[in-house]
Amino acid sequence: MRRFQLASLFVLLLAAMSITAMAQELGSITGTVKDSSGAVVVGAAVTATARELGVTEKAQTNGEGVFNFPQLPPGNYSIIAEHAGFKKAERSDVELLVSSKVNVGDIVLAVDRKSVV
């Protein structure tokens, strides 16, 4: 019985260590969505996709136009921002390294003339 308890404790310890190691490998991507005049776009939908990893995460810009993906695995990402009345904008080849914090800067949305009445 004592061996079983020690083995169980060892397995739990290994699991906890691997979860901690995985968390330390994650990185973040942030940026700001603005319109062509430089005004921030509140409530824009932003998607981060790493096709080779099969990862797709969604976020929305806050009151300052900022979006944040706080826990992404390392990889090569494409960031797409969109909002009603604007054309979709994409920032591709965003490289996220282990435990890094990447700021993609401003993603500018152009007015979609087709949606203006």
N, C-alpha and C. Protein backbone atom coordinates (compact mmCIF):
# COMPACT_ATOMS: atom_id res chain seq x y z
N MET A 1 0.83 -1.19 0.00
CA MET A 1 0.00 0.00 0.00
C MET A 1 0.87 1.26 0.00
N ARG A 2 1.95 1.23 0.74
CA ARG A 2 2.85 2.38 0.82
C ARG A 2 3.47 2.69 -0.55
N ARG A 3 3.83 1.63 -1.30
CA ARG A 3 4.39 1.83 -2.64
C ARG A 3 3.38 2.51 -3.56
N PHE A 4 2.14 2.09 -3.45
CA PHE A 4 1.08 2.69 -4.27
C PHE A 4 0.93 4.18 -3.96
N GLN A 5 0.98 4.53 -2.68
CA GLN A 5 0.86 5.93 -2.28
C GLN A 5 2.04 6.74 -2.82
N LEU A 6 3.23 6.21 -2.72
CA LEU A 6 4.42 6.91 -3.24
C LEU A 6 4.35 7.06 -4.76
N ALA A 7 3.92 6.01 -5.43
CA ALA A 7 3.79 6.07 -6.89
C ALA A 7 2.75 7.10 -7.30
N SER A 8 1.64 7.14 -6.59
CA SER A 8 0.58 8.11 -6.88
C SER A 8 1.08 9.54 -6.66
N LEU A 9 1.80 9.74 -5.58
CA LEU A 9 2.35 11.06 -5.28
C LEU A 9 3.33 11.47 -6.36
N PHE A 10 4.16 10.55 -6.82
CA PHE A 10 5.13 10.83 -7.88
C PHE A 10 4.42 11.24 -9.17
N VAL A 11 3.38 10.52 -9.54
CA VAL A 11 2.61 10.83 -10.76
C VAL A 11 1.98 12.22 -10.65
N LEU A 12 1.40 12.53 -9.51
CA LEU A 12 0.81 13.85 -9.31
C LEU A 12 1.85 14.96 -9.39
N LEU A 13 3.01 14.72 -8.83
CA LEU A 13 4.09 15.70 -8.88
C LEU A 13 4.55 15.94 -10.31
N LEU A 14 4.69 14.87 -11.08
CA LEU A 14 5.07 15.01 -12.49
C LEU A 14 4.02 15.77 -13.28
N ALA A 15 2.76 15.49 -13.04
CA ALA A 15 1.68 16.19 -13.73
C ALA A 15 1.70 17.68 -13.41
N ALA A 16 1.89 18.02 -12.14
CA ALA A 16 1.95 19.42 -11.73
C ALA A 16 3.13 20.13 -12.38
N MET A 17 4.28 19.46 -12.45
CA MET A 17 5.47 20.07 -13.05
C MET A 17 5.26 20.28 -14.55
N SER A 18 4.62 19.36 -15.24
CA SER A 18 4.42 19.52 -16.68
C SER A 18 3.43 20.63 -16.98
N ILE A 19 2.40 20.78 -16.14
CA ILE A 19 1.45 21.89 -16.31
C ILE A 19 2.15 23.21 -16.12
N THR A 20 3.00 23.31 -15.11
CA THR A 20 3.76 24.54 -14.86
C THR A 20 4.70 24.83 -16.03
N ALA A 21 5.36 23.82 -16.55
CA ALA A 21 6.27 24.01 -17.67
C ALA A 21 5.51 24.48 -18.91
N MET A 22 4.34 23.90 -19.16
CA MET A 22 3.54 24.32 -20.31
C MET A 22 3.12 25.77 -20.17
N ALA A 23 2.70 26.17 -18.99
CA ALA A 23 2.26 27.55 -18.77
C ALA A 23 3.39 28.53 -19.01
N GLN A 24 4.62 28.14 -18.68
CA GLN A 24 5.76 29.02 -18.88
C GLN A 24 6.13 29.15 -20.35
N GLU A 25 5.71 28.20 -21.19
CA GLU A 25 6.02 28.26 -22.61
C GLU A 25 5.07 29.18 -23.37
N LEU A 26 3.91 29.47 -22.82
CA LEU A 26 2.92 30.28 -23.51
C LEU A 26 3.39 31.73 -23.63
N GLY A 27 2.93 32.39 -24.68
CA GLY A 27 3.24 33.80 -24.88
C GLY A 27 1.97 34.59 -25.10
N SER A 28 2.12 35.87 -25.40
CA SER A 28 0.95 36.72 -25.61
C SER A 28 1.14 37.62 -26.83
N ILE A 29 0.01 37.95 -27.44
CA ILE A 29 -0.02 38.89 -28.56
C ILE A 29 -1.04 39.96 -28.23
N THR A 30 -0.62 41.20 -28.41
CA THR A 30 -1.51 42.34 -28.15
C THR A 30 -1.35 43.36 -29.28
N GLY A 31 -2.26 44.30 -29.34
CA GLY A 31 -2.20 45.36 -30.34
C GLY A 31 -3.40 46.28 -30.19
N THR A 32 -3.52 47.22 -31.11
CA THR A 32 -4.60 48.20 -31.09
C THR A 32 -5.24 48.26 -32.47
N VAL A 33 -6.56 48.34 -32.49
CA VAL A 33 -7.28 48.49 -33.77
C VAL A 33 -7.75 49.93 -33.86
N LYS A 34 -7.39 50.57 -35.00
CA LYS A 34 -7.76 51.96 -35.25
C LYS A 34 -8.38 52.10 -36.62
N ASP A 35 -9.08 53.21 -36.83
CA ASP A 35 -9.58 53.50 -38.18
C ASP A 35 -8.54 54.35 -38.90
N SER A 36 -8.82 54.68 -40.16
CA SER A 36 -7.82 55.39 -40.97
C SER A 36 -7.55 56.81 -40.47
N SER A 37 -8.43 57.37 -39.62
CA SER A 37 -8.18 58.70 -39.05
C SER A 37 -7.34 58.62 -37.77
N GLY A 38 -7.09 57.40 -37.28
CA GLY A 38 -6.32 57.23 -36.06
C GLY A 38 -7.17 57.03 -34.82
N ALA A 39 -8.49 57.07 -34.98
CA ALA A 39 -9.37 56.83 -33.83
C ALA A 39 -9.43 55.34 -33.52
N VAL A 40 -9.49 55.00 -32.23
CA VAL A 40 -9.56 53.59 -31.85
C VAL A 40 -10.92 53.03 -32.24
N VAL A 41 -10.93 51.73 -32.52
CA VAL A 41 -12.17 51.03 -32.86
C VAL A 41 -12.53 50.13 -31.68
N VAL A 42 -13.59 50.49 -30.99
CA VAL A 42 -14.05 49.74 -29.82
C VAL A 42 -14.95 48.60 -30.30
N GLY A 43 -14.77 47.42 -29.73
CA GLY A 43 -15.63 46.29 -30.05
C GLY A 43 -15.30 45.58 -31.34
N ALA A 44 -14.11 45.81 -31.88
CA ALA A 44 -13.71 45.09 -33.09
C ALA A 44 -13.44 43.63 -32.75
N ALA A 45 -13.82 42.73 -33.64
CA ALA A 45 -13.55 41.30 -33.46
C ALA A 45 -12.15 41.02 -33.99
N VAL A 46 -11.33 40.36 -33.18
CA VAL A 46 -9.96 40.05 -33.56
C VAL A 46 -9.76 38.55 -33.40
N THR A 47 -9.16 37.94 -34.42
CA THR A 47 -8.91 36.50 -34.42
C THR A 47 -7.43 36.25 -34.62
N ALA A 48 -6.87 35.39 -33.78
CA ALA A 48 -5.47 34.95 -33.91
C ALA A 48 -5.50 33.49 -34.34
N THR A 49 -4.82 33.20 -35.46
CA THR A 49 -4.82 31.84 -35.99
C THR A 49 -3.40 31.38 -36.29
N ALA A 50 -3.07 30.20 -35.79
CA ALA A 50 -1.81 29.52 -36.13
C ALA A 50 -2.22 28.22 -36.81
N ARG A 51 -2.29 28.22 -38.12
CA ARG A 51 -2.81 27.06 -38.85
C ARG A 51 -2.02 25.79 -38.58
N GLU A 52 -0.69 25.89 -38.55
CA GLU A 52 0.13 24.69 -38.36
C GLU A 52 -0.07 24.06 -36.99
N LEU A 53 -0.56 24.86 -36.03
CA LEU A 53 -0.83 24.33 -34.69
C LEU A 53 -2.30 23.96 -34.50
N GLY A 54 -3.14 24.41 -35.43
CA GLY A 54 -4.57 24.18 -35.28
C GLY A 54 -5.18 25.05 -34.19
N VAL A 55 -4.60 26.23 -33.98
CA VAL A 55 -5.04 27.13 -32.92
C VAL A 55 -5.77 28.33 -33.51
N THR A 56 -6.97 28.59 -33.00
CA THR A 56 -7.72 29.80 -33.35
C THR A 56 -8.31 30.36 -32.07
N GLU A 57 -7.99 31.61 -31.77
CA GLU A 57 -8.51 32.29 -30.58
C GLU A 57 -9.18 33.58 -31.02
N LYS A 58 -10.24 33.95 -30.31
CA LYS A 58 -10.97 35.18 -30.62
C LYS A 58 -10.92 36.13 -29.42
N ALA A 59 -10.89 37.42 -29.75
CA ALA A 59 -10.91 38.46 -28.71
C ALA A 59 -11.68 39.65 -29.27
N GLN A 60 -11.92 40.61 -28.43
CA GLN A 60 -12.60 41.83 -28.84
C GLN A 60 -11.82 43.02 -28.26
N THR A 61 -11.78 44.11 -29.02
CA THR A 61 -11.07 45.28 -28.52
C THR A 61 -11.85 45.93 -27.38
N ASN A 62 -11.11 46.49 -26.43
CA ASN A 62 -11.73 47.16 -25.29
C ASN A 62 -12.01 48.63 -25.60
N GLY A 63 -12.29 49.41 -24.58
CA GLY A 63 -12.62 50.83 -24.75
C GLY A 63 -11.48 51.68 -25.29
N GLU A 64 -10.26 51.16 -25.24
CA GLU A 64 -9.10 51.87 -25.81
C GLU A 64 -8.68 51.28 -27.15
N GLY A 65 -9.51 50.36 -27.68
CA GLY A 65 -9.19 49.73 -28.97
C GLY A 65 -8.14 48.64 -28.88
N VAL A 66 -7.80 48.21 -27.67
CA VAL A 66 -6.74 47.24 -27.44
C VAL A 66 -7.31 45.82 -27.40
N PHE A 67 -6.61 44.89 -28.03
CA PHE A 67 -6.94 43.48 -27.92
C PHE A 67 -5.76 42.75 -27.29
N ASN A 68 -6.07 41.61 -26.67
CA ASN A 68 -5.01 40.84 -26.02
C ASN A 68 -5.34 39.35 -26.07
N PHE A 69 -4.34 38.58 -26.50
CA PHE A 69 -4.40 37.13 -26.43
C PHE A 69 -3.33 36.73 -25.42
N PRO A 70 -3.72 36.52 -24.15
CA PRO A 70 -2.72 36.37 -23.09
C PRO A 70 -2.01 35.03 -23.01
N GLN A 71 -2.58 33.97 -23.57
CA GLN A 71 -1.97 32.65 -23.41
C GLN A 71 -2.05 31.85 -24.71
N LEU A 72 -1.06 32.07 -25.57
CA LEU A 72 -0.99 31.35 -26.84
C LEU A 72 0.27 30.50 -26.88
N PRO A 73 0.18 29.32 -27.50
CA PRO A 73 1.39 28.52 -27.68
C PRO A 73 2.29 29.16 -28.73
N PRO A 74 3.59 28.95 -28.65
CA PRO A 74 4.50 29.51 -29.64
C PRO A 74 4.14 29.05 -31.05
N GLY A 75 4.28 29.95 -32.01
CA GLY A 75 3.97 29.61 -33.39
C GLY A 75 3.93 30.84 -34.27
N ASN A 76 3.55 30.64 -35.51
CA ASN A 76 3.42 31.72 -36.49
C ASN A 76 1.94 32.04 -36.64
N TYR A 77 1.55 33.26 -36.29
CA TYR A 77 0.14 33.65 -36.23
C TYR A 77 -0.24 34.65 -37.32
N SER A 78 -1.51 34.58 -37.67
CA SER A 78 -2.16 35.57 -38.51
C SER A 78 -3.20 36.25 -37.62
N ILE A 79 -3.20 37.58 -37.59
CA ILE A 79 -4.15 38.34 -36.78
C ILE A 79 -5.10 39.06 -37.72
N ILE A 80 -6.39 38.81 -37.57
CA ILE A 80 -7.41 39.45 -38.41
C ILE A 80 -8.32 40.28 -37.53
N ALA A 81 -8.52 41.55 -37.93
CA ALA A 81 -9.42 42.45 -37.20
C ALA A 81 -10.55 42.85 -38.14
N GLU A 82 -11.76 42.89 -37.58
CA GLU A 82 -12.92 43.30 -38.40
C GLU A 82 -13.98 43.96 -37.52
N HIS A 83 -14.72 44.84 -38.15
CA HIS A 83 -15.81 45.55 -37.48
C HIS A 83 -16.77 46.02 -38.56
N ALA A 84 -18.06 46.03 -38.24
CA ALA A 84 -19.08 46.47 -39.20
C ALA A 84 -18.75 47.87 -39.73
N GLY A 85 -18.87 48.04 -41.03
CA GLY A 85 -18.59 49.33 -41.65
C GLY A 85 -17.15 49.50 -42.11
N PHE A 86 -16.31 48.50 -41.81
CA PHE A 86 -14.90 48.56 -42.19
C PHE A 86 -14.51 47.32 -42.98
N LYS A 87 -13.47 47.46 -43.77
CA LYS A 87 -12.88 46.31 -44.44
C LYS A 87 -12.04 45.53 -43.43
N LYS A 88 -12.00 44.25 -43.62
CA LYS A 88 -11.19 43.38 -42.75
C LYS A 88 -9.71 43.70 -42.98
N ALA A 89 -8.93 43.67 -41.92
CA ALA A 89 -7.48 43.90 -42.01
C ALA A 89 -6.75 42.71 -41.40
N GLU A 90 -5.62 42.35 -42.01
CA GLU A 90 -4.87 41.20 -41.54
C GLU A 90 -3.40 41.54 -41.34
N ARG A 91 -2.85 41.04 -40.27
CA ARG A 91 -1.42 41.11 -40.01
C ARG A 91 -0.94 39.68 -40.01
N SER A 92 -0.13 39.30 -40.99
CA SER A 92 0.31 37.90 -41.08
C SER A 92 1.77 37.76 -40.66
N ASP A 93 2.18 36.52 -40.49
CA ASP A 93 3.55 36.18 -40.10
C ASP A 93 3.98 36.83 -38.78
N VAL A 94 3.09 36.77 -37.80
CA VAL A 94 3.42 37.25 -36.46
C VAL A 94 4.05 36.07 -35.72
N GLU A 95 5.33 36.16 -35.47
CA GLU A 95 6.04 35.05 -34.83
C GLU A 95 6.03 35.22 -33.31
N LEU A 96 5.45 34.23 -32.65
CA LEU A 96 5.39 34.22 -31.19
C LEU A 96 6.34 33.14 -30.68
N LEU A 97 7.38 33.58 -29.99
CA LEU A 97 8.37 32.66 -29.44
C LEU A 97 7.95 32.23 -28.03
N VAL A 98 8.63 31.23 -27.50
CA VAL A 98 8.35 30.72 -26.16
C VAL A 98 8.42 31.85 -25.14
N SER A 99 7.39 31.97 -24.34
CA SER A 99 7.31 32.95 -23.23
C SER A 99 7.48 34.40 -23.66
N SER A 100 7.20 34.71 -24.92
CA SER A 100 7.39 36.09 -25.38
C SER A 100 6.08 36.87 -25.35
N LYS A 101 6.24 38.19 -25.40
CA LYS A 101 5.11 39.11 -25.45
C LYS A 101 5.29 39.95 -26.71
N VAL A 102 4.39 39.76 -27.67
CA VAL A 102 4.49 40.47 -28.95
C VAL A 102 3.40 41.53 -29.03
N ASN A 103 3.81 42.75 -29.35
CA ASN A 103 2.86 43.83 -29.61
C ASN A 103 2.92 44.10 -31.10
N VAL A 104 1.81 43.84 -31.80
CA VAL A 104 1.78 44.03 -33.26
C VAL A 104 1.53 45.48 -33.64
N GLY A 105 1.35 46.35 -32.66
CA GLY A 105 1.13 47.76 -32.94
C GLY A 105 -0.30 48.01 -33.40
N ASP A 106 -0.45 48.99 -34.28
CA ASP A 106 -1.78 49.38 -34.76
C ASP A 106 -2.17 48.56 -35.98
N ILE A 107 -3.38 48.04 -35.95
CA ILE A 107 -3.99 47.44 -37.14
C ILE A 107 -5.05 48.42 -37.58
N VAL A 108 -4.92 48.93 -38.80
CA VAL A 108 -5.79 49.99 -39.28
C VAL A 108 -6.88 49.42 -40.18
N LEU A 109 -8.13 49.76 -39.84
CA LEU A 109 -9.28 49.34 -40.63
C LEU A 109 -9.70 50.48 -41.54
N ALA A 110 -9.82 50.19 -42.82
CA ALA A 110 -10.29 51.18 -43.79
C ALA A 110 -11.81 51.10 -43.86
N VAL A 111 -12.43 52.25 -44.09
CA VAL A 111 -13.89 52.29 -44.23
C VAL A 111 -14.31 51.49 -45.45
N ASP A 112 -15.35 50.69 -45.28
CA ASP A 112 -15.89 49.91 -46.39
C ASP A 112 -16.94 50.78 -47.09
N ARG A 113 -16.60 51.33 -48.21
CA ARG A 113 -17.47 52.24 -48.95
C ARG A 113 -18.79 51.58 -49.34
N LYS A 114 -18.79 50.26 -49.50
CA LYS A 114 -20.00 49.52 -49.87
C LYS A 114 -21.04 49.57 -48.77
N SER A 115 -20.59 49.70 -47.53
CA SER A 115 -21.53 49.68 -46.40
C SER A 115 -22.03 51.08 -46.05
N VAL A 116 -21.43 52.10 -46.65
CA VAL A 116 -21.86 53.48 -46.37
C VAL A 116 -23.05 53.81 -47.25
N VAL A 117 -24.13 54.28 -46.62
CA VAL A 117 -25.35 54.58 -47.37
C VAL A 117 -25.50 56.06 -47.55
